[in-house]
Amino acid sequence: MVMVVVIMQVNRWFAEYLVSAPYRLWTFPFAGWWIISDETMNSHEIQHTLLNNQDLTFLLPLLVLLACWYITYVRLSEKEI
């Protein structure tokens, strides 16, 4: 849960850095940014299209598999088998 909050805050800081003082800003990880630039309520929506959620769900098992392989390798190398 803490990691989710940290990722959300880093995403928000990155959006604020790129937009430079927006009037309002809504951001969520792995989603787009919704930016209101001034008091006239002109809004802009920026969609992230490089990775969608489906790609991330396919990537997660691969990362878990690689992590398990690395942990096993380190444990076996400590025992010198």
Protein backbone atom coordinates (compact mmCIF):
# COMPACT_ATOMS: atom_id res chain seq x y z
CA MET A 1 0.00 0.00 0.00
CA VAL A 2 2.85 2.35 0.79
CA MET A 3 4.45 1.66 -2.57
CA VAL A 4 1.22 2.60 -4.36
CA VAL A 5 1.10 5.94 -2.55
CA VAL A 6 4.76 6.60 -3.38
CA ILE A 7 4.20 5.80 -7.07
CA MET A 8 1.14 8.05 -7.18
CA GLN A 9 3.05 10.94 -5.58
CA VAL A 10 6.07 10.56 -7.90
CA ASN A 11 3.70 10.51 -10.89
CA ARG A 12 2.05 13.71 -9.65
CA TRP A 13 5.40 15.45 -9.03
CA PHE A 14 6.55 14.49 -12.53
CA ALA A 15 3.35 15.87 -14.07
CA GLU A 16 3.66 19.12 -12.11
CA TYR A 17 7.29 19.44 -13.20
CA LEU A 18 6.40 19.04 -16.87
CA VAL A 19 3.29 21.23 -16.84
CA SER A 20 4.76 24.07 -14.72
CA ALA A 21 2.17 25.25 -12.20
CA PRO A 22 -1.21 24.00 -13.42
CA TYR A 23 -4.44 25.35 -11.96
CA ARG A 24 -5.67 21.80 -11.28
CA LEU A 25 -4.15 18.43 -12.02
CA TRP A 26 -5.51 14.88 -11.80
CA THR A 27 -3.06 12.03 -12.25
CA PHE A 28 -3.17 8.30 -11.65
CA PRO A 29 -0.41 5.75 -12.31
CA PHE A 30 -0.79 3.88 -15.62
CA ALA A 31 -3.51 6.32 -16.69
CA GLY A 32 -3.59 9.70 -18.35
CA TRP A 33 -3.23 13.17 -16.90
CA TRP A 34 -6.10 15.65 -16.82
CA ILE A 35 -4.81 19.19 -16.62
CA ILE A 36 -6.65 22.47 -16.16
CA SER A 37 -4.18 25.17 -17.11
CA ASP A 38 -5.89 28.35 -15.92
CA GLU A 39 -9.01 29.76 -14.27
CA THR A 40 -10.97 29.70 -17.54
CA MET A 41 -11.17 25.91 -17.07
CA ASN A 42 -9.46 25.06 -20.36
CA SER A 43 -8.69 21.39 -19.89
CA HIS A 44 -6.20 19.10 -21.57
CA GLU A 45 -6.09 15.32 -21.36
CA ILE A 46 -2.84 13.48 -21.94
CA GLN A 47 -3.12 9.74 -22.50
CA HIS A 48 -0.19 7.38 -21.97
CA THR A 49 -0.09 5.14 -25.02
CA LEU A 50 3.33 3.50 -24.74
CA LEU A 51 2.16 0.74 -22.42
CA ASN A 52 -1.40 -0.19 -21.70
CA ASN A 53 -2.60 -2.21 -18.73
CA GLN A 54 -2.78 -5.42 -20.77
CA ASP A 55 0.94 -5.22 -21.54
CA LEU A 56 1.70 -4.72 -17.87
CA THR A 57 -0.33 -7.79 -16.88
CA PHE A 58 1.74 -9.86 -19.32
CA LEU A 59 4.95 -8.35 -18.00
CA LEU A 60 4.26 -9.03 -14.31
CA PRO A 61 4.55 -12.88 -14.45
CA LEU A 62 7.83 -12.52 -16.33
CA LEU A 63 9.20 -10.23 -13.63
CA VAL A 64 8.08 -12.65 -10.89
CA LEU A 65 9.73 -15.55 -12.73
CA LEU A 66 13.00 -13.65 -13.10
CA ALA A 67 12.93 -12.64 -9.43
CA CYS A 68 12.37 -16.26 -8.34
CA TRP A 69 15.20 -17.43 -10.60
CA TYR A 70 17.58 -14.84 -9.16
CA ILE A 71 16.66 -15.69 -5.56
CA THR A 72 17.19 -19.39 -6.26
CA TYR A 73 20.53 -18.70 -7.94
CA VAL A 74 21.78 -16.65 -4.99
CA ARG A 75 20.60 -19.22 -2.43
CA LEU A 76 22.24 -22.12 -4.30
CA SER A 77 25.47 -20.23 -4.83
CA GLU A 78 25.67 -19.60 -1.09
CA LYS A 79 25.46 -23.36 -0.49
CA GLU A 80 28.01 -23.97 -3.29
CA ILE A 81 26.04 -26.75 -4.94
